[in-house]
Amino acid sequence: MDGFILRKVGGNNFLLDTKAVSEPYRDPLCINDMGALIYTYLEQGKSIETIIETLSKEYGVSDWEIAQDVTLFLEGLRKFGVQL
């Protein structure tokens, strides 16, 4: 996930593409708190399975539901250019 940094500004989480130095300007990706937590876990090297289990226990939601949300979030990261 080189070339991207996560920042919280004014209560909002933004994923910034630090490799995008040429024109046109690329807007940061605004992500919710759950997305920021998932991204942080990925930066820490946690596996997808571990992230799902951790979030499921922490929020009292089934693994299946968390897996669906994590999968959608990861697809969004890929579309933004994050290499997972």
Protein backbone atom coordinates (compact mmCIF):
# COMPACT_ATOMS: atom_id res chain seq x y z
CA MET A 1 0.00 0.00 0.00
CA ASP A 2 2.96 2.16 -0.78
CA GLY A 3 2.19 5.62 -2.03
CA PHE A 4 -0.96 6.13 0.03
CA ILE A 5 -1.48 7.70 3.43
CA LEU A 6 -4.55 7.86 5.62
CA ARG A 7 -5.34 11.17 7.31
CA LYS A 8 -8.24 12.34 9.47
CA VAL A 9 -9.21 15.96 8.88
CA GLY A 10 -12.21 17.66 10.45
CA GLY A 11 -13.68 14.32 11.48
CA ASN A 12 -13.36 12.86 7.97
CA ASN A 13 -10.95 10.14 6.85
CA PHE A 14 -9.08 10.72 3.61
CA LEU A 15 -6.85 8.33 1.70
CA LEU A 16 -4.26 10.38 -0.17
CA ASP A 17 -2.41 9.18 -3.25
CA THR A 18 1.12 10.49 -2.69
CA LYS A 19 2.40 9.11 -6.00
CA ALA A 20 0.02 11.26 -8.04
CA VAL A 21 2.34 14.20 -8.61
CA SER A 22 1.39 15.00 -12.18
CA GLU A 23 -1.68 16.64 -13.64
CA PRO A 24 -4.57 16.22 -13.40
CA TYR A 25 -4.97 16.49 -9.64
CA ARG A 26 -6.45 13.40 -8.05
CA ASP A 27 -8.95 13.98 -5.27
CA PRO A 28 -8.39 12.03 -2.07
CA LEU A 29 -10.72 9.15 -1.33
CA CYS A 30 -13.05 9.90 1.58
CA ILE A 31 -13.72 6.78 3.65
CA ASN A 32 -15.82 6.14 6.73
CA ASP A 33 -14.45 5.14 10.13
CA MET A 34 -14.89 1.42 9.44
CA GLY A 35 -12.97 1.77 6.18
CA ALA A 36 -10.21 3.65 7.99
CA LEU A 37 -10.01 0.86 10.57
CA ILE A 38 -9.82 -1.81 7.86
CA TYR A 39 -7.12 0.19 6.04
CA THR A 40 -5.13 0.56 9.26
CA TYR A 41 -5.34 -3.19 9.90
CA LEU A 42 -4.11 -3.84 6.35
CA GLU A 43 -1.19 -1.46 6.91
CA GLN A 44 -0.33 -3.44 10.04
CA GLY A 45 -0.11 -6.57 7.91
CA LYS A 46 -3.22 -8.29 9.23
CA SER A 47 -4.82 -10.85 6.94
CA ILE A 48 -8.32 -10.36 5.54
CA GLU A 49 -9.53 -13.31 7.60
CA THR A 50 -8.10 -11.82 10.80
CA ILE A 51 -9.68 -8.45 10.03
CA ILE A 52 -13.08 -10.07 9.48
CA GLU A 53 -12.85 -12.07 12.71
CA THR A 54 -11.70 -9.03 14.70
CA LEU A 55 -14.46 -6.76 13.40
CA SER A 56 -17.09 -9.45 13.82
CA LYS A 57 -16.20 -9.88 17.50
CA GLU A 58 -15.79 -6.15 18.13
CA TYR A 59 -19.12 -5.14 16.59
CA GLY A 60 -21.18 -8.27 17.27
CA VAL A 61 -21.95 -8.79 13.59
CA SER A 62 -21.71 -12.09 11.74
CA ASP A 63 -18.53 -12.96 9.87
CA TRP A 64 -20.57 -13.18 6.67
CA GLU A 65 -21.88 -9.60 6.97
CA ILE A 66 -18.45 -8.23 7.82
CA ALA A 67 -16.91 -10.19 4.92
CA GLN A 68 -19.38 -8.56 2.52
CA ASP A 69 -18.48 -5.07 3.76
CA VAL A 70 -14.75 -5.77 3.71
CA THR A 71 -14.97 -7.16 0.17
CA LEU A 72 -16.79 -4.05 -1.08
CA PHE A 73 -14.27 -1.79 0.65
CA LEU A 74 -11.32 -3.68 -0.86
CA GLU A 75 -12.88 -3.39 -4.33
CA GLY A 76 -13.12 0.37 -3.80
CA LEU A 77 -9.47 0.54 -2.77
CA ARG A 78 -8.44 -1.39 -5.88
CA LYS A 79 -10.42 0.99 -8.09
CA PHE A 80 -8.63 3.89 -6.41
CA GLY A 81 -5.32 2.25 -7.31
CA VAL A 82 -4.26 0.72 -4.01
CA GLN A 83 -2.26 -2.47 -4.58
CA LEU A 84 -3.30 -5.02 -1.98
